[in-house]
Amino acid sequence: METRRFRVSGRAVGRIVTLSGDRLLTVRPTDVSRRGLGFIAKEPLPHGGQFWFEIDEARLRVEVIHCHSHLGIENMYHCGIFTRDPDIDLEQVFAQLGLLEEALQADGF
């Protein structure tokens, strides 16, 4: 049996900015859920750090939940962020921006 799932478009590029607006880091989103987002970055971000995540015209306050060396790409980091705002659905934000691609996936995989 197959289910419909969505993945982040390869053209999606986001930015991480400090809450004061000082630092800008370009990131490549890899996966998204209702409250969280995974991405690849050239610099590590501190666990628990709070930032603005910007993509297209969306700007969302987020918190870093993990950031580790990417196992397959040297000098890159795989990070995860989430929003504590229950009114924000990150998957819906990406869908409204046209940044999700539908993919059929076999159940259990």
N, C-alpha and C. Protein backbone atom coordinates (compact mmCIF):
# COMPACT_ATOMS: atom_id res chain seq x y z
N MET A 1 0.84 -1.18 0.00
CA MET A 1 0.00 0.00 0.00
C MET A 1 0.89 1.25 0.00
N GLU A 2 0.46 2.28 -0.72
CA GLU A 2 1.23 3.52 -0.78
C GLU A 2 0.47 4.65 -0.11
N THR A 3 1.21 5.57 0.48
CA THR A 3 0.61 6.75 1.07
C THR A 3 1.23 7.98 0.42
N ARG A 4 0.52 9.08 0.46
CA ARG A 4 1.05 10.33 -0.08
C ARG A 4 1.86 11.02 1.00
N ARG A 5 3.06 11.40 0.64
CA ARG A 5 3.92 12.16 1.54
C ARG A 5 4.48 13.32 0.74
N PHE A 6 5.01 14.29 1.44
CA PHE A 6 5.56 15.46 0.77
C PHE A 6 7.00 15.67 1.20
N ARG A 7 7.81 16.13 0.27
CA ARG A 7 9.20 16.44 0.58
C ARG A 7 9.46 17.89 0.16
N VAL A 8 10.48 18.46 0.75
CA VAL A 8 10.83 19.85 0.45
C VAL A 8 11.44 19.91 -0.94
N SER A 9 11.03 20.88 -1.72
CA SER A 9 11.54 21.10 -3.07
C SER A 9 13.04 21.37 -3.02
N GLY A 10 13.77 20.86 -4.01
CA GLY A 10 15.21 21.10 -4.11
C GLY A 10 15.55 22.56 -4.33
N ARG A 11 14.59 23.37 -4.74
CA ARG A 11 14.86 24.79 -4.97
C ARG A 11 14.68 25.64 -3.71
N ALA A 12 14.24 25.03 -2.61
CA ALA A 12 14.00 25.77 -1.37
C ALA A 12 15.33 26.20 -0.73
N VAL A 13 15.44 27.47 -0.45
CA VAL A 13 16.60 28.02 0.26
C VAL A 13 16.07 28.95 1.33
N GLY A 14 16.55 28.76 2.55
CA GLY A 14 16.12 29.60 3.66
C GLY A 14 17.29 30.35 4.28
N ARG A 15 16.97 31.17 5.28
CA ARG A 15 17.98 31.93 5.98
C ARG A 15 17.73 31.86 7.47
N ILE A 16 18.80 31.79 8.24
CA ILE A 16 18.74 31.86 9.69
C ILE A 16 19.32 33.21 10.09
N VAL A 17 18.58 33.97 10.88
CA VAL A 17 18.99 35.31 11.30
C VAL A 17 18.84 35.40 12.81
N THR A 18 19.79 36.08 13.48
CA THR A 18 19.66 36.27 14.93
C THR A 18 18.40 37.09 15.20
N LEU A 19 17.90 36.99 16.42
CA LEU A 19 16.70 37.75 16.77
C LEU A 19 16.92 39.24 16.65
N SER A 20 18.18 39.68 16.82
CA SER A 20 18.48 41.10 16.67
C SER A 20 18.72 41.47 15.21
N GLY A 21 18.72 40.47 14.32
CA GLY A 21 18.87 40.72 12.89
C GLY A 21 20.31 40.85 12.43
N ASP A 22 21.29 40.47 13.27
CA ASP A 22 22.69 40.66 12.95
C ASP A 22 23.30 39.63 12.01
N ARG A 23 22.99 38.36 12.19
CA ARG A 23 23.70 37.30 11.51
C ARG A 23 22.81 36.62 10.49
N LEU A 24 23.37 36.36 9.34
CA LEU A 24 22.61 35.71 8.28
C LEU A 24 23.35 34.45 7.85
N LEU A 25 22.66 33.32 7.84
CA LEU A 25 23.23 32.04 7.43
C LEU A 25 22.25 31.40 6.45
N THR A 26 22.71 31.12 5.24
CA THR A 26 21.87 30.47 4.25
C THR A 26 21.82 28.98 4.54
N VAL A 27 20.63 28.39 4.47
CA VAL A 27 20.45 26.97 4.76
C VAL A 27 19.62 26.32 3.66
N ARG A 28 19.78 25.01 3.52
CA ARG A 28 19.03 24.24 2.53
C ARG A 28 18.08 23.30 3.27
N PRO A 29 16.77 23.60 3.31
CA PRO A 29 15.81 22.71 3.98
C PRO A 29 15.80 21.33 3.34
N THR A 30 15.69 20.30 4.20
CA THR A 30 15.67 18.93 3.70
C THR A 30 14.35 18.22 4.00
N ASP A 31 13.73 18.53 5.12
CA ASP A 31 12.46 17.92 5.46
C ASP A 31 11.69 18.85 6.38
N VAL A 32 10.38 18.70 6.36
CA VAL A 32 9.54 19.58 7.16
C VAL A 32 8.38 18.79 7.73
N SER A 33 7.98 19.16 8.94
CA SER A 33 6.79 18.60 9.56
C SER A 33 5.96 19.77 10.08
N ARG A 34 4.88 19.47 10.75
CA ARG A 34 3.99 20.52 11.21
C ARG A 34 4.71 21.53 12.10
N ARG A 35 5.56 21.07 13.02
CA ARG A 35 6.22 21.97 13.95
C ARG A 35 7.73 22.08 13.75
N GLY A 36 8.34 21.22 12.92
CA GLY A 36 9.79 21.21 12.81
C GLY A 36 10.30 21.21 11.38
N LEU A 37 11.60 21.53 11.27
CA LEU A 37 12.25 21.61 9.97
C LEU A 37 13.68 21.13 10.11
N GLY A 38 14.13 20.29 9.19
CA GLY A 38 15.52 19.88 9.12
C GLY A 38 16.19 20.61 7.96
N PHE A 39 17.48 20.93 8.11
CA PHE A 39 18.19 21.61 7.03
C PHE A 39 19.68 21.34 7.11
N ILE A 40 20.38 21.66 6.03
CA ILE A 40 21.83 21.55 5.94
C ILE A 40 22.40 22.97 5.96
N ALA A 41 23.47 23.16 6.75
CA ALA A 41 24.09 24.48 6.87
C ALA A 41 25.61 24.34 6.84
N LYS A 42 26.29 25.45 6.53
CA LYS A 42 27.75 25.46 6.50
C LYS A 42 28.36 25.74 7.86
N GLU A 43 27.54 26.13 8.83
CA GLU A 43 28.02 26.42 10.18
C GLU A 43 27.10 25.76 11.19
N PRO A 44 27.65 25.35 12.34
CA PRO A 44 26.80 24.77 13.38
C PRO A 44 26.04 25.88 14.11
N LEU A 45 24.88 25.53 14.60
CA LEU A 45 24.09 26.44 15.42
C LEU A 45 23.98 25.86 16.83
N PRO A 46 23.92 26.71 17.86
CA PRO A 46 23.88 26.21 19.24
C PRO A 46 22.53 25.60 19.59
N HIS A 47 22.59 24.45 20.28
CA HIS A 47 21.37 23.80 20.77
C HIS A 47 20.64 24.78 21.69
N GLY A 48 19.35 24.96 21.46
CA GLY A 48 18.55 25.86 22.28
C GLY A 48 18.56 27.30 21.79
N GLY A 49 19.42 27.60 20.80
CA GLY A 49 19.47 28.96 20.26
C GLY A 49 18.17 29.33 19.58
N GLN A 50 17.76 30.58 19.74
CA GLN A 50 16.55 31.06 19.09
C GLN A 50 16.91 32.03 17.98
N PHE A 51 16.25 31.85 16.84
CA PHE A 51 16.56 32.62 15.63
C PHE A 51 15.28 32.92 14.87
N TRP A 52 15.41 33.74 13.85
CA TRP A 52 14.38 33.90 12.83
C TRP A 52 14.75 32.96 11.69
N PHE A 53 13.77 32.23 11.18
CA PHE A 53 13.94 31.45 9.97
C PHE A 53 13.14 32.16 8.90
N GLU A 54 13.81 32.52 7.80
CA GLU A 54 13.17 33.22 6.70
C GLU A 54 13.22 32.37 5.45
N ILE A 55 12.10 32.29 4.78
CA ILE A 55 12.05 31.61 3.49
C ILE A 55 10.98 32.31 2.65
N ASP A 56 11.39 32.75 1.47
CA ASP A 56 10.52 33.60 0.65
C ASP A 56 10.03 34.76 1.53
N GLU A 57 8.70 34.98 1.58
CA GLU A 57 8.20 36.10 2.39
C GLU A 57 7.87 35.71 3.82
N ALA A 58 8.05 34.44 4.19
CA ALA A 58 7.75 33.99 5.54
C ALA A 58 8.93 34.26 6.49
N ARG A 59 8.60 34.69 7.71
CA ARG A 59 9.61 34.91 8.76
C ARG A 59 9.04 34.34 10.05
N LEU A 60 9.72 33.30 10.59
CA LEU A 60 9.20 32.57 11.74
C LEU A 60 10.25 32.48 12.84
N ARG A 61 9.81 32.65 14.08
CA ARG A 61 10.73 32.50 15.22
C ARG A 61 10.85 31.01 15.55
N VAL A 62 12.10 30.53 15.62
CA VAL A 62 12.35 29.10 15.81
C VAL A 62 13.44 28.88 16.86
N GLU A 63 13.53 27.64 17.32
CA GLU A 63 14.55 27.22 18.27
C GLU A 63 15.30 26.02 17.72
N VAL A 64 16.61 25.98 17.89
CA VAL A 64 17.44 24.87 17.42
C VAL A 64 17.30 23.70 18.39
N ILE A 65 16.95 22.52 17.88
CA ILE A 65 16.82 21.34 18.72
C ILE A 65 18.01 20.39 18.55
N HIS A 66 18.71 20.48 17.44
CA HIS A 66 19.94 19.71 17.26
C HIS A 66 20.74 20.29 16.10
N CYS A 67 22.03 20.08 16.13
CA CYS A 67 22.89 20.47 15.02
C CYS A 67 24.17 19.65 15.13
N HIS A 68 24.38 18.75 14.18
CA HIS A 68 25.50 17.82 14.20
C HIS A 68 26.24 17.83 12.87
N SER A 69 27.48 17.42 12.88
CA SER A 69 28.22 17.25 11.62
C SER A 69 27.44 16.33 10.71
N HIS A 70 27.35 16.70 9.45
CA HIS A 70 26.63 15.88 8.47
C HIS A 70 27.50 14.66 8.17
N LEU A 71 26.92 13.48 8.28
CA LEU A 71 27.69 12.25 8.11
C LEU A 71 28.20 12.05 6.69
N GLY A 72 27.50 12.60 5.70
CA GLY A 72 27.89 12.35 4.32
C GLY A 72 28.57 13.50 3.61
N ILE A 73 28.60 14.68 4.22
CA ILE A 73 29.16 15.85 3.56
C ILE A 73 30.13 16.55 4.52
N GLU A 74 31.39 16.57 4.16
CA GLU A 74 32.41 17.17 5.02
C GLU A 74 32.19 18.68 5.16
N ASN A 75 32.42 19.20 6.35
CA ASN A 75 32.30 20.62 6.68
C ASN A 75 30.88 21.16 6.50
N MET A 76 29.88 20.29 6.63
CA MET A 76 28.48 20.70 6.60
C MET A 76 27.80 20.14 7.84
N TYR A 77 26.67 20.75 8.20
CA TYR A 77 25.96 20.37 9.42
C TYR A 77 24.49 20.10 9.11
N HIS A 78 23.96 19.08 9.77
CA HIS A 78 22.54 18.78 9.67
C HIS A 78 21.89 19.28 10.95
N CYS A 79 20.95 20.20 10.82
CA CYS A 79 20.34 20.84 11.98
C CYS A 79 18.83 20.67 11.94
N GLY A 80 18.23 20.81 13.11
CA GLY A 80 16.79 20.77 13.21
C GLY A 80 16.31 21.94 14.05
N ILE A 81 15.22 22.54 13.62
CA ILE A 81 14.61 23.64 14.36
C ILE A 81 13.13 23.34 14.52
N PHE A 82 12.51 23.99 15.50
CA PHE A 82 11.07 23.87 15.62
C PHE A 82 10.50 25.19 16.11
N THR A 83 9.21 25.34 15.93
CA THR A 83 8.51 26.52 16.41
C THR A 83 7.66 26.14 17.61
N ARG A 84 7.68 26.97 18.62
CA ARG A 84 6.85 26.73 19.80
C ARG A 84 5.45 27.31 19.61
N ASP A 85 5.24 28.06 18.55
CA ASP A 85 3.95 28.70 18.30
C ASP A 85 2.96 27.67 17.76
N PRO A 86 1.94 27.30 18.54
CA PRO A 86 1.00 26.28 18.09
C PRO A 86 0.14 26.72 16.90
N ASP A 87 0.13 28.01 16.59
CA ASP A 87 -0.65 28.50 15.47
C ASP A 87 0.10 28.40 14.14
N ILE A 88 1.37 28.04 14.19
CA ILE A 88 2.17 27.94 12.96
C ILE A 88 2.33 26.47 12.59
N ASP A 89 1.98 26.14 11.37
CA ASP A 89 2.16 24.81 10.81
C ASP A 89 3.21 24.95 9.70
N LEU A 90 4.45 24.53 9.99
CA LEU A 90 5.54 24.72 9.02
C LEU A 90 5.27 24.00 7.70
N GLU A 91 4.67 22.83 7.77
CA GLU A 91 4.37 22.11 6.54
C GLU A 91 3.39 22.91 5.69
N GLN A 92 2.40 23.53 6.32
CA GLN A 92 1.44 24.36 5.61
C GLN A 92 2.11 25.61 5.03
N VAL A 93 3.04 26.21 5.79
CA VAL A 93 3.79 27.37 5.28
C VAL A 93 4.52 26.98 3.99
N PHE A 94 5.23 25.84 4.01
CA PHE A 94 5.96 25.40 2.83
C PHE A 94 5.01 25.10 1.68
N ALA A 95 3.85 24.50 1.98
CA ALA A 95 2.87 24.20 0.93
C ALA A 95 2.36 25.50 0.30
N GLN A 96 2.04 26.50 1.12
CA GLN A 96 1.53 27.77 0.60
C GLN A 96 2.58 28.49 -0.25
N LEU A 97 3.86 28.29 0.06
CA LEU A 97 4.93 28.90 -0.72
C LEU A 97 5.27 28.09 -1.97
N GLY A 98 4.62 26.94 -2.14
CA GLY A 98 4.89 26.09 -3.30
C GLY A 98 6.21 25.36 -3.20
N LEU A 99 6.65 25.06 -1.96
CA LEU A 99 7.96 24.45 -1.76
C LEU A 99 7.88 22.98 -1.32
N LEU A 100 6.74 22.34 -1.55
CA LEU A 100 6.62 20.91 -1.27
C LEU A 100 6.36 20.16 -2.56
N GLU A 101 6.93 18.97 -2.65
CA GLU A 101 6.72 18.10 -3.80
C GLU A 101 6.10 16.81 -3.30
N GLU A 102 5.07 16.36 -3.98
CA GLU A 102 4.40 15.13 -3.58
C GLU A 102 5.23 13.93 -4.01
N ALA A 103 5.29 12.95 -3.13
CA ALA A 103 6.01 11.71 -3.43
C ALA A 103 5.21 10.55 -2.87
N LEU A 104 5.03 9.50 -3.65
CA LEU A 104 4.36 8.31 -3.14
C LEU A 104 5.38 7.49 -2.37
N GLN A 105 4.95 6.95 -1.24
CA GLN A 105 5.86 6.18 -0.40
C GLN A 105 5.14 4.93 0.06
N ALA A 106 5.81 3.80 -0.01
CA ALA A 106 5.23 2.56 0.47
C ALA A 106 5.09 2.63 1.98
N ASP A 107 3.97 2.13 2.51
CA ASP A 107 3.78 2.14 3.96
C ASP A 107 4.90 1.37 4.65
N GLY A 108 5.30 1.88 5.77
CA GLY A 108 6.36 1.24 6.53
C GLY A 108 7.76 1.67 6.15
N PHE A 109 7.89 2.56 5.19
CA PHE A 109 9.22 3.02 4.76
C PHE A 109 9.30 4.52 4.82
